N, C-alpha and C. Protein backbone atom coordinates (compact mmCIF):
# COMPACT_ATOMS: atom_id res chain seq x y z
N MET A 1 0.85 -1.16 0.00
CA MET A 1 0.00 0.00 0.00
C MET A 1 0.89 1.23 0.00
N THR A 2 0.56 2.16 -0.85
CA THR A 2 1.33 3.38 -0.93
C THR A 2 0.78 4.41 0.06
N VAL A 3 1.55 5.45 0.27
CA VAL A 3 1.13 6.51 1.19
C VAL A 3 -0.10 7.22 0.63
N LYS A 4 -0.15 7.37 -0.66
CA LYS A 4 -1.29 8.04 -1.30
C LYS A 4 -2.58 7.24 -1.06
N GLN A 5 -2.50 5.92 -1.18
CA GLN A 5 -3.66 5.08 -0.92
C GLN A 5 -4.08 5.17 0.54
N ALA A 6 -3.11 5.22 1.44
CA ALA A 6 -3.41 5.31 2.87
C ALA A 6 -4.15 6.61 3.18
N VAL A 7 -3.72 7.69 2.57
CA VAL A 7 -4.37 8.98 2.79
C VAL A 7 -5.79 8.97 2.24
N GLU A 8 -5.99 8.35 1.09
CA GLU A 8 -7.32 8.29 0.48
C GLU A 8 -8.29 7.42 1.27
N ILE A 9 -7.82 6.32 1.80
CA ILE A 9 -8.69 5.31 2.39
C ILE A 9 -8.89 5.50 3.89
N TYR A 10 -8.04 6.27 4.53
CA TYR A 10 -8.10 6.43 5.98
C TYR A 10 -9.48 6.87 6.50
N PRO A 11 -10.14 7.87 5.91
CA PRO A 11 -11.46 8.26 6.44
C PRO A 11 -12.51 7.14 6.34
N THR A 12 -12.45 6.37 5.28
CA THR A 12 -13.40 5.26 5.12
C THR A 12 -13.16 4.19 6.18
N LEU A 13 -11.91 3.87 6.44
CA LEU A 13 -11.60 2.87 7.46
C LEU A 13 -11.99 3.36 8.85
N GLN A 14 -11.81 4.65 9.09
CA GLN A 14 -12.22 5.22 10.37
C GLN A 14 -13.72 5.09 10.56
N LYS A 15 -14.46 5.40 9.50
CA LYS A 15 -15.91 5.31 9.56
C LYS A 15 -16.36 3.86 9.80
N LEU A 16 -15.72 2.91 9.13
CA LEU A 16 -16.05 1.50 9.32
C LEU A 16 -15.75 1.02 10.74
N ALA A 17 -14.66 1.50 11.30
CA ALA A 17 -14.28 1.07 12.65
C ALA A 17 -15.20 1.66 13.71
N ARG A 18 -15.74 2.84 13.46
CA ARG A 18 -16.57 3.53 14.45
C ARG A 18 -18.03 3.13 14.43
N THR A 19 -18.52 2.62 13.32
CA THR A 19 -19.94 2.29 13.25
C THR A 19 -20.24 1.09 14.12
N LYS A 20 -21.30 1.19 14.86
CA LYS A 20 -21.72 0.12 15.77
C LYS A 20 -22.78 -0.78 15.12
N LYS A 21 -23.64 -0.19 14.31
CA LYS A 21 -24.74 -0.95 13.72
C LYS A 21 -24.27 -1.72 12.50
N LYS A 22 -24.69 -2.97 12.43
CA LYS A 22 -24.29 -3.83 11.32
C LYS A 22 -24.88 -3.36 10.00
N THR A 23 -26.08 -2.81 10.04
CA THR A 23 -26.71 -2.35 8.80
C THR A 23 -25.97 -1.15 8.22
N GLU A 24 -25.50 -0.25 9.08
CA GLU A 24 -24.71 0.89 8.60
C GLU A 24 -23.40 0.41 7.99
N ARG A 25 -22.76 -0.53 8.67
CA ARG A 25 -21.49 -1.07 8.17
C ARG A 25 -21.69 -1.75 6.83
N LYS A 26 -22.81 -2.45 6.69
CA LYS A 26 -23.10 -3.12 5.42
C LYS A 26 -23.29 -2.10 4.30
N SER A 27 -23.99 -1.02 4.58
CA SER A 27 -24.20 0.00 3.55
C SER A 27 -22.90 0.70 3.18
N ILE A 28 -22.03 0.92 4.17
CA ILE A 28 -20.72 1.51 3.87
C ILE A 28 -19.89 0.57 3.01
N LEU A 29 -19.89 -0.71 3.37
CA LEU A 29 -19.12 -1.70 2.60
C LEU A 29 -19.63 -1.83 1.17
N SER A 30 -20.94 -1.75 1.00
CA SER A 30 -21.48 -1.93 -0.35
C SER A 30 -21.16 -0.74 -1.26
N SER A 31 -20.85 0.42 -0.68
CA SER A 31 -20.53 1.58 -1.50
C SER A 31 -19.03 1.88 -1.58
N CYS A 32 -18.21 1.06 -0.97
CA CYS A 32 -16.76 1.29 -0.96
C CYS A 32 -16.13 0.94 -2.30
N PRO A 33 -15.08 1.66 -2.69
CA PRO A 33 -14.35 1.30 -3.90
C PRO A 33 -13.49 0.05 -3.67
N CYS A 34 -12.97 -0.51 -4.73
CA CYS A 34 -12.16 -1.74 -4.67
C CYS A 34 -10.90 -1.56 -3.83
N LYS A 35 -10.34 -0.35 -3.82
CA LYS A 35 -9.10 -0.10 -3.08
C LYS A 35 -9.25 -0.45 -1.60
N VAL A 36 -10.42 -0.16 -1.06
CA VAL A 36 -10.65 -0.40 0.37
C VAL A 36 -10.56 -1.88 0.68
N PHE A 37 -11.10 -2.71 -0.18
CA PHE A 37 -11.08 -4.15 0.05
C PHE A 37 -9.68 -4.73 -0.10
N HIS A 38 -8.91 -4.17 -1.01
CA HIS A 38 -7.52 -4.62 -1.13
C HIS A 38 -6.70 -4.23 0.10
N VAL A 39 -6.98 -3.04 0.64
CA VAL A 39 -6.30 -2.61 1.86
C VAL A 39 -6.71 -3.49 3.04
N LEU A 40 -8.00 -3.82 3.13
CA LEU A 40 -8.46 -4.70 4.20
C LEU A 40 -7.83 -6.08 4.10
N SER A 41 -7.65 -6.57 2.88
CA SER A 41 -6.98 -7.84 2.68
C SER A 41 -5.52 -7.76 3.13
N GLU A 42 -4.88 -6.65 2.82
CA GLU A 42 -3.49 -6.47 3.22
C GLU A 42 -3.36 -6.34 4.74
N ILE A 43 -4.33 -5.67 5.37
CA ILE A 43 -4.33 -5.55 6.83
C ILE A 43 -4.45 -6.94 7.46
N ALA A 44 -5.37 -7.76 6.93
CA ALA A 44 -5.54 -9.12 7.45
C ALA A 44 -4.25 -9.92 7.28
N ARG A 45 -3.61 -9.79 6.13
CA ARG A 45 -2.35 -10.50 5.87
C ARG A 45 -1.27 -10.06 6.86
N ASN A 46 -1.19 -8.76 7.13
CA ASN A 46 -0.17 -8.25 8.04
C ASN A 46 -0.44 -8.62 9.49
N ILE A 47 -1.71 -8.73 9.86
CA ILE A 47 -2.03 -9.18 11.21
C ILE A 47 -1.63 -10.64 11.37
N LEU A 48 -1.90 -11.45 10.36
CA LEU A 48 -1.53 -12.87 10.43
C LEU A 48 -0.01 -13.06 10.47
N LYS A 49 0.73 -12.21 9.76
CA LYS A 49 2.19 -12.32 9.76
C LYS A 49 2.82 -11.74 11.01
N GLY A 50 2.08 -10.92 11.74
CA GLY A 50 2.61 -10.30 12.95
C GLY A 50 3.23 -8.94 12.73
N VAL A 51 3.06 -8.38 11.55
CA VAL A 51 3.60 -7.06 11.26
C VAL A 51 2.82 -6.00 12.05
N ILE A 52 1.50 -6.14 12.07
CA ILE A 52 0.65 -5.25 12.85
C ILE A 52 0.41 -5.93 14.20
N LYS A 53 0.85 -5.27 15.25
CA LYS A 53 0.71 -5.83 16.60
C LYS A 53 -0.72 -5.64 17.10
N VAL A 54 -1.30 -6.71 17.63
CA VAL A 54 -2.66 -6.70 18.16
C VAL A 54 -2.59 -7.03 19.65
N PRO A 55 -3.27 -6.24 20.50
CA PRO A 55 -3.26 -6.57 21.93
C PRO A 55 -3.84 -7.96 22.19
N ARG A 56 -3.40 -8.58 23.28
CA ARG A 56 -3.80 -9.96 23.58
C ARG A 56 -5.31 -10.13 23.71
N HIS A 57 -5.99 -9.19 24.37
CA HIS A 57 -7.42 -9.34 24.55
C HIS A 57 -8.17 -9.26 23.22
N LYS A 58 -7.66 -8.47 22.27
CA LYS A 58 -8.27 -8.42 20.96
C LYS A 58 -7.88 -9.63 20.11
N LEU A 59 -6.70 -10.16 20.37
CA LEU A 59 -6.25 -11.35 19.66
C LEU A 59 -7.13 -12.55 20.00
N LYS A 60 -7.56 -12.64 21.25
CA LYS A 60 -8.48 -13.70 21.64
C LYS A 60 -9.80 -13.57 20.92
N SER A 61 -10.27 -12.35 20.75
CA SER A 61 -11.52 -12.12 20.02
C SER A 61 -11.37 -12.47 18.55
N LEU A 62 -10.21 -12.19 17.98
CA LEU A 62 -9.97 -12.49 16.57
C LEU A 62 -9.82 -13.98 16.31
N LYS A 63 -9.43 -14.76 17.31
CA LYS A 63 -9.25 -16.20 17.11
C LYS A 63 -10.54 -16.88 16.71
N VAL A 64 -11.67 -16.34 17.13
CA VAL A 64 -12.97 -16.89 16.75
C VAL A 64 -13.15 -16.80 15.24
N TYR A 65 -12.58 -15.75 14.64
CA TYR A 65 -12.75 -15.49 13.21
C TYR A 65 -11.49 -15.85 12.41
N LYS A 66 -10.64 -16.73 12.92
CA LYS A 66 -9.36 -16.99 12.27
C LYS A 66 -9.50 -17.52 10.84
N ASN A 67 -10.49 -18.38 10.59
CA ASN A 67 -10.65 -18.91 9.24
C ASN A 67 -11.10 -17.82 8.27
N ASP A 68 -11.99 -16.94 8.72
CA ASP A 68 -12.43 -15.83 7.88
C ASP A 68 -11.28 -14.85 7.62
N LEU A 69 -10.45 -14.64 8.63
CA LEU A 69 -9.30 -13.76 8.49
C LEU A 69 -8.32 -14.32 7.46
N ARG A 70 -8.07 -15.60 7.53
CA ARG A 70 -7.19 -16.25 6.54
C ARG A 70 -7.78 -16.18 5.14
N LYS A 71 -9.09 -16.34 5.06
CA LYS A 71 -9.77 -16.31 3.77
C LYS A 71 -9.63 -14.93 3.12
N ILE A 72 -9.80 -13.89 3.92
CA ILE A 72 -9.67 -12.52 3.40
C ILE A 72 -8.23 -12.23 3.02
N ALA A 73 -7.28 -12.70 3.81
CA ALA A 73 -5.87 -12.44 3.54
C ALA A 73 -5.41 -13.11 2.25
N LYS A 74 -5.99 -14.26 1.90
CA LYS A 74 -5.59 -14.99 0.69
C LYS A 74 -6.20 -14.41 -0.58
N GLN A 75 -7.37 -13.84 -0.47
CA GLN A 75 -8.11 -13.43 -1.66
C GLN A 75 -7.52 -12.19 -2.31
N LYS A 76 -7.53 -12.19 -3.62
CA LYS A 76 -7.06 -11.06 -4.40
C LYS A 76 -8.22 -10.31 -5.06
N ASN A 77 -9.32 -11.01 -5.28
CA ASN A 77 -10.47 -10.44 -5.96
C ASN A 77 -11.30 -9.62 -4.97
N SER A 78 -11.51 -8.34 -5.27
CA SER A 78 -12.20 -7.46 -4.33
C SER A 78 -13.67 -7.83 -4.14
N SER A 79 -14.31 -8.40 -5.15
CA SER A 79 -15.71 -8.77 -4.99
C SER A 79 -15.86 -9.94 -4.02
N ARG A 80 -14.91 -10.86 -4.00
CA ARG A 80 -14.96 -11.98 -3.05
C ARG A 80 -14.66 -11.50 -1.63
N ILE A 81 -13.73 -10.56 -1.50
CA ILE A 81 -13.43 -9.99 -0.19
C ILE A 81 -14.65 -9.27 0.34
N LYS A 82 -15.29 -8.52 -0.55
CA LYS A 82 -16.49 -7.77 -0.19
C LYS A 82 -17.59 -8.71 0.28
N ARG A 83 -17.81 -9.79 -0.44
CA ARG A 83 -18.83 -10.76 -0.08
C ARG A 83 -18.55 -11.38 1.28
N THR A 84 -17.30 -11.75 1.52
CA THR A 84 -16.92 -12.33 2.80
C THR A 84 -17.12 -11.34 3.93
N LEU A 85 -16.73 -10.10 3.74
CA LEU A 85 -16.87 -9.10 4.79
C LEU A 85 -18.32 -8.76 5.09
N ILE A 86 -19.15 -8.74 4.07
CA ILE A 86 -20.57 -8.45 4.29
C ILE A 86 -21.24 -9.60 5.02
N GLN A 87 -20.87 -10.82 4.69
CA GLN A 87 -21.48 -11.97 5.35
C GLN A 87 -20.97 -12.14 6.77
N LYS A 88 -19.69 -11.92 7.00
CA LYS A 88 -19.07 -12.12 8.31
C LYS A 88 -18.57 -10.78 8.84
N ARG A 89 -19.46 -9.88 9.13
CA ARG A 89 -19.05 -8.53 9.45
C ARG A 89 -18.81 -8.28 10.94
N GLY A 90 -18.86 -9.29 11.78
CA GLY A 90 -18.68 -9.09 13.21
C GLY A 90 -17.26 -8.75 13.61
N PHE A 91 -16.28 -9.14 12.82
CA PHE A 91 -14.89 -8.93 13.21
C PHE A 91 -14.24 -7.75 12.51
N LEU A 92 -14.97 -7.01 11.72
CA LEU A 92 -14.39 -5.91 10.97
C LEU A 92 -13.76 -4.83 11.85
N PRO A 93 -14.40 -4.37 12.92
CA PRO A 93 -13.73 -3.39 13.79
C PRO A 93 -12.48 -3.96 14.46
N LEU A 94 -12.50 -5.24 14.80
CA LEU A 94 -11.32 -5.86 15.39
C LEU A 94 -10.16 -5.90 14.41
N LEU A 95 -10.49 -6.00 13.15
CA LEU A 95 -9.48 -6.05 12.09
C LEU A 95 -8.90 -4.67 11.81
N ILE A 96 -9.75 -3.66 11.81
CA ILE A 96 -9.35 -2.33 11.37
C ILE A 96 -8.62 -1.53 12.46
N LYS A 97 -9.10 -1.60 13.69
CA LYS A 97 -8.59 -0.70 14.74
C LYS A 97 -7.08 -0.80 14.97
N PRO A 98 -6.46 -1.98 15.00
CA PRO A 98 -4.99 -2.00 15.18
C PRO A 98 -4.24 -1.33 14.02
N ALA A 99 -4.80 -1.42 12.83
CA ALA A 99 -4.13 -0.84 11.67
C ALA A 99 -4.33 0.67 11.57
N LEU A 100 -5.39 1.18 12.20
CA LEU A 100 -5.65 2.62 12.13
C LEU A 100 -4.54 3.45 12.76
N SER A 101 -3.94 2.94 13.82
CA SER A 101 -2.86 3.71 14.45
C SER A 101 -1.65 3.82 13.51
N LEU A 102 -1.35 2.74 12.82
CA LEU A 102 -0.25 2.79 11.84
C LEU A 102 -0.59 3.74 10.69
N LEU A 103 -1.82 3.64 10.21
CA LEU A 103 -2.23 4.51 9.11
C LEU A 103 -2.28 5.97 9.55
N ALA A 104 -2.66 6.21 10.80
CA ALA A 104 -2.71 7.58 11.31
C ALA A 104 -1.32 8.21 11.30
N SER A 105 -0.32 7.43 11.68
CA SER A 105 1.04 7.98 11.66
C SER A 105 1.51 8.25 10.23
N ILE A 106 1.13 7.39 9.31
CA ILE A 106 1.48 7.60 7.90
C ILE A 106 0.80 8.84 7.36
N VAL A 107 -0.49 8.98 7.65
CA VAL A 107 -1.25 10.14 7.16
C VAL A 107 -0.71 11.42 7.80
N ALA A 108 -0.40 11.37 9.10
CA ALA A 108 0.12 12.56 9.78
C ALA A 108 1.47 13.00 9.19
N SER A 109 2.34 12.04 8.92
CA SER A 109 3.64 12.40 8.34
C SER A 109 3.47 12.97 6.94
N LYS A 110 2.50 12.46 6.21
CA LYS A 110 2.22 12.98 4.86
C LYS A 110 1.70 14.41 4.95
N MET A 111 0.83 14.67 5.93
CA MET A 111 0.28 16.02 6.07
C MET A 111 1.34 17.02 6.55
N MET A 112 2.27 16.55 7.38
CA MET A 112 3.33 17.42 7.88
C MET A 112 4.28 17.86 6.76
N LYS A 113 4.46 17.00 5.77
CA LYS A 113 5.36 17.31 4.66
C LYS A 113 4.77 18.37 3.73
N LYS A 114 3.44 18.44 3.70
CA LYS A 114 2.78 19.41 2.80
C LYS A 114 2.86 20.77 3.32
């Protein structure tokens, strides 16, 4: 993921992480561009590899969804990622929140340079 993509996608990921209602999250996911799903797939891949550190209490919550997480990390096609996320949307905030801090630092450094 490039810095430009991180800057573009950060507000959408923030909105997805903050929404509590599943119906709102579903409507946001259905209107998202393909880039968002590729970034979500990359986040899942990095969590599985250990690049993105996840606190232990959240890691226990993610273990319930480990097969779905692996499925999203493997997929390259954005429509399949989208379908999986819409069907199994309970773990989406758990997936996004650890990555938001990394993306926030990237976005902040990009804004400071301007």
